[in-house]
Amino acid sequence: MSDLKKILVSLPDNLLKEVDEIIAVEKINRSEFVRKAMKLYIREKRRIEMRDKMKKGYQEMAEINAKLAEMCFDADNEQQQKYEESLGELEI
């Protein structure tokens, strides 16, 4: 982390007090706390985005699979009907 940049962050008093309580227990400084919080936020955001992409993909595949199943069902019914007609012709 040799390429660190300084930023200025404004926080409400109550949030800063909570942060200060946590960093006192964990024995880290505010900068380290902010870095950890940002990394955690980014990781969670990426996880949620990936889950949403997967959900969308599964929904799209479900639609495709339903259409394929319907096409196969129609073809199967048509084949079954032809088979039954051919059996009927044999009985004559």
PDB file of N, CA and C in Angstrom:
ATOM      1  N   MET A   1       0.816  -1.180   0.000  1.00  0.00           N
ATOM      2  CA  MET A   1       0.000   0.000   0.000  1.00  0.00           C
ATOM      3  C   MET A   1       0.869   1.257   0.000  1.00  0.00           C
ATOM      4  N   SER A   2       1.896   1.279  -0.789  1.00  0.00           N
ATOM      5  CA  SER A   2       2.800   2.421  -0.815  1.00  0.00           C
ATOM      6  C   SER A   2       2.211   3.609  -1.567  1.00  0.00           C
ATOM      7  N   ASP A   3       1.209   3.372  -2.380  1.00  0.00           N
ATOM      8  CA  ASP A   3       0.606   4.440  -3.176  1.00  0.00           C
ATOM      9  C   ASP A   3      -0.693   4.909  -2.524  1.00  0.00           C
ATOM     10  N   LEU A   4      -0.605   5.418  -1.319  1.00  0.00           N
ATOM     11  CA  LEU A   4      -1.788   5.857  -0.584  1.00  0.00           C
ATOM     12  C   LEU A   4      -2.117   7.300  -0.924  1.00  0.00           C
ATOM     13  N   LYS A   5      -3.401   7.608  -0.987  1.00  0.00           N
ATOM     14  CA  LYS A   5      -3.890   8.965  -1.219  1.00  0.00           C
ATOM     15  C   LYS A   5      -4.664   9.406   0.003  1.00  0.00           C
ATOM     16  N   LYS A   6      -4.544  10.668   0.340  1.00  0.00           N
ATOM     17  CA  LYS A   6      -5.303  11.211   1.460  1.00  0.00           C
ATOM     18  C   LYS A   6      -6.610  11.779   0.946  1.00  0.00           C
ATOM     19  N   ILE A   7      -7.684  11.526   1.705  1.00  0.00           N
ATOM     20  CA  ILE A   7      -8.990  12.083   1.379  1.00  0.00           C
ATOM     21  C   ILE A   7      -9.570  12.706   2.643  1.00  0.00           C
ATOM     22  N   LEU A   8     -10.552  13.550   2.450  1.00  0.00           N
ATOM     23  CA  LEU A   8     -11.237  14.166   3.574  1.00  0.00           C
ATOM     24  C   LEU A   8     -12.658  13.622   3.582  1.00  0.00           C
ATOM     25  N   VAL A   9     -13.088  13.094   4.712  1.00  0.00           N
ATOM     26  CA  VAL A   9     -14.417  12.496   4.822  1.00  0.00           C
ATOM     27  C   VAL A   9     -15.170  13.195   5.945  1.00  0.00           C
ATOM     28  N   SER A  10     -16.396  13.591   5.658  1.00  0.00           N
ATOM     29  CA  SER A  10     -17.248  14.200   6.687  1.00  0.00           C
ATOM     30  C   SER A  10     -18.205  13.151   7.225  1.00  0.00           C
ATOM     31  N   LEU A  11     -18.266  13.030   8.552  1.00  0.00           N
ATOM     32  CA  LEU A  11     -19.126  12.040   9.201  1.00  0.00           C
ATOM     33  C   LEU A  11     -19.945  12.709  10.293  1.00  0.00           C
ATOM     34  N   PRO A  12     -21.159  12.222  10.510  1.00  0.00           N
ATOM     35  CA  PRO A  12     -21.919  12.716  11.657  1.00  0.00           C
ATOM     36  C   PRO A  12     -21.243  12.261  12.956  1.00  0.00           C
ATOM     37  N   ASP A  13     -21.422  13.041  14.007  1.00  0.00           N
ATOM     38  CA  ASP A  13     -20.769  12.747  15.293  1.00  0.00           C
ATOM     39  C   ASP A  13     -21.055  11.337  15.794  1.00  0.00           C
ATOM     40  N   ASN A  14     -22.320  10.918  15.712  1.00  0.00           N
ATOM     41  CA  ASN A  14     -22.664   9.596  16.256  1.00  0.00           C
ATOM     42  C   ASN A  14     -21.960   8.469  15.507  1.00  0.00           C
ATOM     43  N   LEU A  15     -21.808   8.612  14.188  1.00  0.00           N
ATOM     44  CA  LEU A  15     -21.106   7.585  13.413  1.00  0.00           C
ATOM     45  C   LEU A  15     -19.620   7.574  13.768  1.00  0.00           C
ATOM     46  N   LEU A  16     -19.041   8.744  13.897  1.00  0.00           N
ATOM     47  CA  LEU A  16     -17.627   8.820  14.259  1.00  0.00           C
ATOM     48  C   LEU A  16     -17.375   8.225  15.643  1.00  0.00           C
ATOM     49  N   LYS A  17     -18.296   8.430  16.554  1.00  0.00           N
ATOM     50  CA  LYS A  17     -18.156   7.846  17.892  1.00  0.00           C
ATOM     51  C   LYS A  17     -18.166   6.323  17.818  1.00  0.00           C
ATOM     52  N   GLU A  18     -19.069   5.774  16.999  1.00  0.00           N
ATOM     53  CA  GLU A  18     -19.118   4.313  16.836  1.00  0.00           C
ATOM     54  C   GLU A  18     -17.816   3.792  16.242  1.00  0.00           C
ATOM     55  N   VAL A  19     -17.325   4.488  15.233  1.00  0.00           N
ATOM     56  CA  VAL A  19     -16.064   4.089  14.601  1.00  0.00           C
ATOM     57  C   VAL A  19     -14.932   4.125  15.621  1.00  0.00           C
ATOM     58  N   ASP A  20     -14.873   5.197  16.394  1.00  0.00           N
ATOM     59  CA  ASP A  20     -13.806   5.320  17.392  1.00  0.00           C
ATOM     60  C   ASP A  20     -13.879   4.214  18.442  1.00  0.00           C
ATOM     61  N   GLU A  21     -15.076   3.799  18.805  1.00  0.00           N
ATOM     62  CA  GLU A  21     -15.223   2.689  19.753  1.00  0.00           C
ATOM     63  C   GLU A  21     -14.678   1.396  19.157  1.00  0.00           C
ATOM     64  N   ILE A  22     -15.001   1.173  17.908  1.00  0.00           N
ATOM     65  CA  ILE A  22     -14.547  -0.054  17.236  1.00  0.00           C
ATOM     66  C   ILE A  22     -13.028  -0.056  17.079  1.00  0.00           C
ATOM     67  N   ILE A  23     -12.469   1.053  16.635  1.00  0.00           N
ATOM     68  CA  ILE A  23     -11.019   1.064  16.402  1.00  0.00           C
ATOM     69  C   ILE A  23     -10.233   0.967  17.707  1.00  0.00           C
ATOM     70  N   ALA A  24     -10.832   1.426  18.804  1.00  0.00           N
ATOM     71  CA  ALA A  24     -10.162   1.283  20.102  1.00  0.00           C
ATOM     72  C   ALA A  24     -10.073  -0.187  20.494  1.00  0.00           C
ATOM     73  N   VAL A  25     -11.151  -0.925  20.237  1.00  0.00           N
ATOM     74  CA  VAL A  25     -11.180  -2.358  20.564  1.00  0.00           C
ATOM     75  C   VAL A  25     -10.254  -3.137  19.633  1.00  0.00           C
ATOM     76  N   GLU A  26     -10.315  -2.823  18.340  1.00  0.00           N
ATOM     77  CA  GLU A  26      -9.525  -3.566  17.350  1.00  0.00           C
ATOM     78  C   GLU A  26      -8.082  -3.081  17.240  1.00  0.00           C
ATOM     79  N   LYS A  27      -7.778  -1.997  17.916  1.00  0.00           N
ATOM     80  CA  LYS A  27      -6.425  -1.435  17.920  1.00  0.00           C
ATOM     81  C   LYS A  27      -5.917  -1.131  16.505  1.00  0.00           C
ATOM     82  N   ILE A  28      -6.761  -0.457  15.752  1.00  0.00           N
ATOM     83  CA  ILE A  28      -6.379   0.026  14.421  1.00  0.00           C
ATOM     84  C   ILE A  28      -6.673   1.526  14.379  1.00  0.00           C
ATOM     85  N   ASN A  29      -6.169   2.187  13.351  1.00  0.00           N
ATOM     86  CA  ASN A  29      -6.460   3.617  13.229  1.00  0.00           C
ATOM     87  C   ASN A  29      -7.647   3.848  12.291  1.00  0.00           C
ATOM     88  N   ARG A  30      -8.090   5.079  12.217  1.00  0.00           N
ATOM     89  CA  ARG A  30      -9.261   5.397  11.390  1.00  0.00           C
ATOM     90  C   ARG A  30      -9.020   5.063   9.921  1.00  0.00           C
ATOM     91  N   SER A  31      -7.826   5.332   9.448  1.00  0.00           N
ATOM     92  CA  SER A  31      -7.517   5.049   8.038  1.00  0.00           C
ATOM     93  C   SER A  31      -7.666   3.566   7.729  1.00  0.00           C
ATOM     94  N   GLU A  32      -7.121   2.732   8.602  1.00  0.00           N
ATOM     95  CA  GLU A  32      -7.238   1.281   8.394  1.00  0.00           C
ATOM     96  C   GLU A  32      -8.694   0.853   8.457  1.00  0.00           C
ATOM     97  N   PHE A  33      -9.438   1.426   9.383  1.00  0.00           N
ATOM     98  CA  PHE A  33     -10.864   1.103   9.486  1.00  0.00           C
ATOM     99  C   PHE A  33     -11.591   1.454   8.192  1.00  0.00           C
ATOM    100  N   VAL A  34     -11.328   2.656   7.674  1.00  0.00           N
ATOM    101  CA  VAL A  34     -11.989   3.096   6.435  1.00  0.00           C
ATOM    102  C   VAL A  34     -11.589   2.197   5.272  1.00  0.00           C
ATOM    103  N   ARG A  35     -10.313   1.835   5.178  1.00  0.00           N
ATOM    104  CA  ARG A  35      -9.873   0.922   4.105  1.00  0.00           C
ATOM    105  C   ARG A  35     -10.604  -0.414   4.189  1.00  0.00           C
ATOM    106  N   LYS A  36     -10.675  -0.968   5.405  1.00  0.00           N
ATOM    107  CA  LYS A  36     -11.373  -2.251   5.579  1.00  0.00           C
ATOM    108  C   LYS A  36     -12.852  -2.125   5.238  1.00  0.00           C
ATOM    109  N   ALA A  37     -13.468  -1.041   5.684  1.00  0.00           N
ATOM    110  CA  ALA A  37     -14.895  -0.838   5.411  1.00  0.00           C
ATOM    111  C   ALA A  37     -15.148  -0.701   3.915  1.00  0.00           C
ATOM    112  N   MET A  38     -14.286   0.030   3.223  1.00  0.00           N
ATOM    113  CA  MET A  38     -14.451   0.205   1.775  1.00  0.00           C
ATOM    114  C   MET A  38     -14.266  -1.117   1.037  1.00  0.00           C
ATOM    115  N   LYS A  39     -13.255  -1.888   1.429  1.00  0.00           N
ATOM    116  CA  LYS A  39     -13.027  -3.193   0.792  1.00  0.00           C
ATOM    117  C   LYS A  39     -14.217  -4.118   1.010  1.00  0.00           C
ATOM    118  N   LEU A  40     -14.727  -4.121   2.227  1.00  0.00           N
ATOM    119  CA  LEU A  40     -15.887  -4.949   2.538  1.00  0.00           C
ATOM    120  C   LEU A  40     -17.097  -4.522   1.713  1.00  0.00           C
ATOM    121  N   TYR A  41     -17.313  -3.226   1.607  1.00  0.00           N
ATOM    122  CA  TYR A  41     -18.437  -2.708   0.826  1.00  0.00           C
ATOM    123  C   TYR A  41     -18.312  -3.119  -0.640  1.00  0.00           C
ATOM    124  N   ILE A  42     -17.127  -2.943  -1.207  1.00  0.00           N
ATOM    125  CA  ILE A  42     -16.908  -3.292  -2.615  1.00  0.00           C
ATOM    126  C   ILE A  42     -17.100  -4.788  -2.837  1.00  0.00           C
ATOM    127  N   ARG A  43     -16.560  -5.616  -1.938  1.00  0.00           N
ATOM    128  CA  ARG A  43     -16.711  -7.070  -2.066  1.00  0.00           C
ATOM    129  C   ARG A  43     -18.182  -7.472  -2.001  1.00  0.00           C
ATOM    130  N   GLU A  44     -18.929  -6.887  -1.075  1.00  0.00           N
ATOM    131  CA  GLU A  44     -20.354  -7.205  -0.931  1.00  0.00           C
ATOM    132  C   GLU A  44     -21.138  -6.731  -2.149  1.00  0.00           C
ATOM    133  N   LYS A  45     -20.803  -5.551  -2.656  1.00  0.00           N
ATOM    134  CA  LYS A  45     -21.485  -5.027  -3.843  1.00  0.00           C
ATOM    135  C   LYS A  45     -21.252  -5.950  -5.039  1.00  0.00           C
ATOM    136  N   ARG A  46     -20.025  -6.402  -5.218  1.00  0.00           N
ATOM    137  CA  ARG A  46     -19.714  -7.326  -6.321  1.00  0.00           C
ATOM    138  C   ARG A  46     -20.464  -8.645  -6.154  1.00  0.00           C
ATOM    139  N   ARG A  47     -20.543  -9.132  -4.917  1.00  0.00           N
ATOM    140  CA  ARG A  47     -21.256 -10.387  -4.662  1.00  0.00           C
ATOM    141  C   ARG A  47     -22.733 -10.239  -5.027  1.00  0.00           C
ATOM    142  N   ILE A  48     -23.330  -9.128  -4.645  1.00  0.00           N
ATOM    143  CA  ILE A  48     -24.743  -8.881  -4.950  1.00  0.00           C
ATOM    144  C   ILE A  48     -24.945  -8.753  -6.456  1.00  0.00           C
ATOM    145  N   GLU A  49     -24.043  -8.035  -7.131  1.00  0.00           N
ATOM    146  CA  GLU A  49     -24.146  -7.889  -8.584  1.00  0.00           C
ATOM    147  C   GLU A  49     -24.039  -9.243  -9.275  1.00  0.00           C
ATOM    148  N   MET A  50     -23.113 -10.084  -8.816  1.00  0.00           N
ATOM    149  CA  MET A  50     -22.954 -11.416  -9.408  1.00  0.00           C
ATOM    150  C   MET A  50     -24.206 -12.254  -9.180  1.00  0.00           C
ATOM    151  N   ARG A  51     -24.765 -12.193  -7.974  1.00  0.00           N
ATOM    152  CA  ARG A  51     -25.986 -12.936  -7.680  1.00  0.00           C
ATOM    153  C   ARG A  51     -27.127 -12.470  -8.583  1.00  0.00           C
ATOM    154  N   ASP A  52     -27.238 -11.161  -8.793  1.00  0.00           N
ATOM    155  CA  ASP A  52     -28.290 -10.632  -9.656  1.00  0.00           C
ATOM    156  C   ASP A  52     -28.097 -11.073 -11.107  1.00  0.00           C
ATOM    157  N   LYS A  53     -26.838 -11.080 -11.574  1.00  0.00           N
ATOM    158  CA  LYS A  53     -26.556 -11.548 -12.935  1.00  0.00           C
ATOM    159  C   LYS A  53     -26.913 -13.025 -13.079  1.00  0.00           C
ATOM    160  N   MET A  54     -26.553 -13.817 -12.078  1.00  0.00           N
ATOM    161  CA  MET A  54     -26.866 -15.245 -12.124  1.00  0.00           C
ATOM    162  C   MET A  54     -28.374 -15.462 -12.097  1.00  0.00           C
ATOM    163  N   LYS A  55     -29.072 -14.717 -11.267  1.00  0.00           N
ATOM    164  CA  LYS A  55     -30.525 -14.833 -11.183  1.00  0.00           C
ATOM    165  C   LYS A  55     -31.155 -14.514 -12.536  1.00  0.00           C
ATOM    166  N   LYS A  56     -30.689 -13.435 -13.165  1.00  0.00           N
ATOM    167  CA  LYS A  56     -31.208 -13.056 -14.480  1.00  0.00           C
ATOM    168  C   LYS A  56     -30.912 -14.153 -15.501  1.00  0.00           C
ATOM    169  N   GLY A  57     -29.697 -14.694 -15.461  1.00  0.00           N
ATOM    170  CA  GLY A  57     -29.328 -15.763 -16.385  1.00  0.00           C
ATOM    171  C   GLY A  57     -30.177 -17.008 -16.201  1.00  0.00           C
ATOM    172  N   TYR A  58     -30.425 -17.382 -14.944  1.00  0.00           N
ATOM    173  CA  TYR A  58     -31.273 -18.546 -14.677  1.00  0.00           C
ATOM    174  C   TYR A  58     -32.700 -18.307 -15.162  1.00  0.00           C
ATOM    175  N   GLN A  59     -33.198 -17.078 -14.998  1.00  0.00           N
ATOM    176  CA  GLN A  59     -34.549 -16.772 -15.464  1.00  0.00           C
ATOM    177  C   GLN A  59     -34.622 -16.833 -16.987  1.00  0.00           C
ATOM    178  N   GLU A  60     -33.592 -16.311 -17.655  1.00  0.00           N
ATOM    179  CA  GLU A  60     -33.557 -16.376 -19.118  1.00  0.00           C
ATOM    180  C   GLU A  60     -33.477 -17.825 -19.587  1.00  0.00           C
ATOM    181  N   MET A  61     -32.657 -18.626 -18.918  1.00  0.00           N
ATOM    182  CA  MET A  61     -32.555 -20.038 -19.295  1.00  0.00           C
ATOM    183  C   MET A  61     -33.866 -20.773 -19.040  1.00  0.00           C
ATOM    184  N   ALA A  62     -34.569 -20.398 -17.988  1.00  0.00           N
ATOM    185  CA  ALA A  62     -35.856 -21.035 -17.697  1.00  0.00           C
ATOM    186  C   ALA A  62     -36.836 -20.772 -18.834  1.00  0.00           C
ATOM    187  N   GLU A  63     -36.839 -19.540 -19.345  1.00  0.00           N
ATOM    188  CA  GLU A  63     -37.722 -19.217 -20.471  1.00  0.00           C
ATOM    189  C   GLU A  63     -37.337 -20.020 -21.711  1.00  0.00           C
ATOM    190  N   ILE A  64     -36.038 -20.102 -21.978  1.00  0.00           N
ATOM    191  CA  ILE A  64     -35.565 -20.872 -23.134  1.00  0.00           C
ATOM    192  C   ILE A  64     -35.926 -22.344 -22.971  1.00  0.00           C
ATOM    193  N   ASN A  65     -35.696 -22.887 -21.789  1.00  0.00           N
ATOM    194  CA  ASN A  65     -36.011 -24.298 -21.539  1.00  0.00           C
ATOM    195  C   ASN A  65     -37.502 -24.573 -21.668  1.00  0.00           C
ATOM    196  N   ALA A  66     -38.340 -23.642 -21.210  1.00  0.00           N
ATOM    197  CA  ALA A  66     -39.792 -23.817 -21.329  1.00  0.00           C
ATOM    198  C   ALA A  66     -40.200 -23.848 -22.799  1.00  0.00           C
ATOM    199  N   LYS A  67     -39.608 -22.969 -23.614  1.00  0.00           N
ATOM    200  CA  LYS A  67     -39.921 -22.946 -25.047  1.00  0.00           C
ATOM    201  C   LYS A  67     -39.459 -24.234 -25.725  1.00  0.00           C
ATOM    202  N   LEU A  68     -38.251 -24.686 -25.364  1.00  0.00           N
ATOM    203  CA  LEU A  68     -37.749 -25.936 -25.942  1.00  0.00           C
ATOM    204  C   LEU A  68     -38.624 -27.121 -25.540  1.00  0.00           C
ATOM    205  N   ALA A  69     -39.034 -27.145 -24.289  1.00  0.00           N
ATOM    206  CA  ALA A  69     -39.890 -28.235 -23.818  1.00  0.00           C
ATOM    207  C   ALA A  69     -41.216 -28.224 -24.561  1.00  0.00           C
ATOM    208  N   GLU A  70     -41.763 -27.038 -24.788  1.00  0.00           N
ATOM    209  CA  GLU A  70     -43.032 -26.938 -25.517  1.00  0.00           C
ATOM    210  C   GLU A  70     -42.861 -27.409 -26.955  1.00  0.00           C
ATOM    211  N   MET A  71     -41.750 -27.017 -27.593  1.00  0.00           N
ATOM    212  CA  MET A  71     -41.495 -27.461 -28.966  1.00  0.00           C
ATOM    213  C   MET A  71     -41.362 -28.982 -29.017  1.00  0.00           C
ATOM    214  N   CYS A  72     -40.617 -29.541 -28.080  1.00  0.00           N
ATOM    215  CA  CYS A  72     -40.427 -30.995 -28.052  1.00  0.00           C
ATOM    216  C   CYS A  72     -41.732 -31.706 -27.736  1.00  0.00           C
ATOM    217  N   PHE A  73     -42.536 -31.117 -26.860  1.00  0.00           N
ATOM    218  CA  PHE A  73     -43.824 -31.709 -26.516  1.00  0.00           C
ATOM    219  C   PHE A  73     -44.719 -31.753 -27.745  1.00  0.00           C
ATOM    220  N   ASP A  74     -44.751 -30.640 -28.501  1.00  0.00           N
ATOM    221  CA  ASP A  74     -45.562 -30.601 -29.717  1.00  0.00           C
ATOM    222  C   ASP A  74     -45.065 -31.629 -30.735  1.00  0.00           C
ATOM    223  N   ALA A  75     -43.748 -31.718 -30.909  1.00  0.00           N
ATOM    224  CA  ALA A  75     -43.182 -32.685 -31.852  1.00  0.00           C
ATOM    225  C   ALA A  75     -43.469 -34.106 -31.394  1.00  0.00           C
ATOM    226  N   ASP A  76     -43.383 -34.358 -30.103  1.00  0.00           N
ATOM    227  CA  ASP A  76     -43.659 -35.679 -29.555  1.00  0.00           C
ATOM    228  C   ASP A  76     -45.123 -36.050 -29.762  1.00  0.00           C
ATOM    229  N   ASN A  77     -46.013 -35.098 -29.534  1.00  0.00           N
ATOM    230  CA  ASN A  77     -47.439 -35.356 -29.757  1.00  0.00           C
ATOM    231  C   ASN A  77     -47.718 -35.656 -31.219  1.00  0.00           C
ATOM    232  N   GLU A  78     -47.073 -34.912 -32.096  1.00  0.00           N
ATOM    233  CA  GLU A  78     -47.253 -35.134 -33.531  1.00  0.00           C
ATOM    234  C   GLU A  78     -46.755 -36.526 -33.912  1.00  0.00           C
ATOM    235  N   GLN A  79     -45.612 -36.907 -33.380  1.00  0.00           N
ATOM    236  CA  GLN A  79     -45.053 -38.232 -33.650  1.00  0.00           C
ATOM    237  C   GLN A  79     -45.964 -39.331 -33.098  1.00  0.00           C
ATOM    238  N   GLN A  80     -46.494 -39.111 -31.890  1.00  0.00           N
ATOM    239  CA  GLN A  80     -47.404 -40.076 -31.273  1.00  0.00           C
ATOM    240  C   GLN A  80     -48.658 -40.245 -32.123  1.00  0.00           C
ATOM    241  N   GLN A  81     -49.172 -39.127 -32.632  1.00  0.00           N
ATOM    242  CA  GLN A  81     -50.383 -39.187 -33.457  1.00  0.00           C
ATOM    243  C   GLN A  81     -50.111 -39.967 -34.745  1.00  0.00           C
ATOM    244  N   LYS A  82     -48.966 -39.716 -35.382  1.00  0.00           N
ATOM    245  CA  LYS A  82     -48.615 -40.444 -36.599  1.00  0.00           C
ATOM    246  C   LYS A  82     -48.477 -41.937 -36.306  1.00  0.00           C
ATOM    247  N   TYR A  83     -47.878 -42.262 -35.170  1.00  0.00           N
ATOM    248  CA  TYR A  83     -47.703 -43.655 -34.782  1.00  0.00           C
ATOM    249  C   TYR A  83     -49.057 -44.335 -34.591  1.00  0.00           C
ATOM    250  N   GLU A  84     -49.956 -43.654 -33.894  1.00  0.00           N
ATOM    251  CA  GLU A  84     -51.283 -44.226 -33.659  1.00  0.00           C
ATOM    252  C   GLU A  84     -52.065 -44.378 -34.957  1.00  0.00           C
ATOM    253  N   GLU A  85     -51.889 -43.421 -35.878  1.00  0.00           N
ATOM    254  CA  GLU A  85     -52.551 -43.534 -37.181  1.00  0.00           C
ATOM    255  C   GLU A  85     -52.011 -44.734 -37.951  1.00  0.00           C
ATOM    256  N   SER A  86     -50.691 -44.946 -37.864  1.00  0.00           N
ATOM    257  CA  SER A  86     -50.110 -46.089 -38.576  1.00  0.00           C
ATOM    258  C   SER A  86     -50.587 -47.407 -37.966  1.00  0.00           C
ATOM    259  N   LEU A  87     -50.811 -47.436 -36.656  1.00  0.00           N
ATOM    260  CA  LEU A  87     -51.354 -48.634 -36.025  1.00  0.00           C
ATOM    261  C   LEU A  87     -52.783 -48.879 -36.481  1.00  0.00           C
ATOM    262  N   GLY A  88     -53.536 -47.787 -36.640  1.00  0.00           N
ATOM    263  CA  GLY A  88     -54.918 -47.904 -37.100  1.00  0.00           C
ATOM    264  C   GLY A  88     -54.988 -48.446 -38.517  1.00  0.00           C
ATOM    265  N   GLU A  89     -54.045 -48.055 -39.354  1.00  0.00           N
ATOM    266  CA  GLU A  89     -54.010 -48.542 -40.725  1.00  0.00           C
ATOM    267  C   GLU A  89     -53.686 -50.033 -40.765  1.00  0.00           C
ATOM    268  N   LEU A  90     -52.901 -50.517 -39.821  1.00  0.00           N
ATOM    269  CA  LEU A  90     -52.545 -51.929 -39.778  1.00  0.00           C
ATOM    270  C   LEU A  90     -53.736 -52.794 -39.381  1.00  0.00           C
ATOM    271  N   GLU A  91     -54.670 -52.228 -38.620  1.00  0.00           N
ATOM    272  CA  GLU A  91     -55.818 -52.992 -38.143  1.00  0.00           C
ATOM    273  C   GLU A  91     -56.858 -53.213 -39.231  1.00  0.00           C
ATOM    274  N   ILE A  92     -56.786 -52.444 -40.293  1.00  0.00           N
ATOM    275  CA  ILE A  92     -57.791 -52.560 -41.348  1.00  0.00           C
ATOM    276  C   ILE A  92     -57.594 -53.777 -42.177  1.00  0.00           C
TER     277      ILE A  92
END
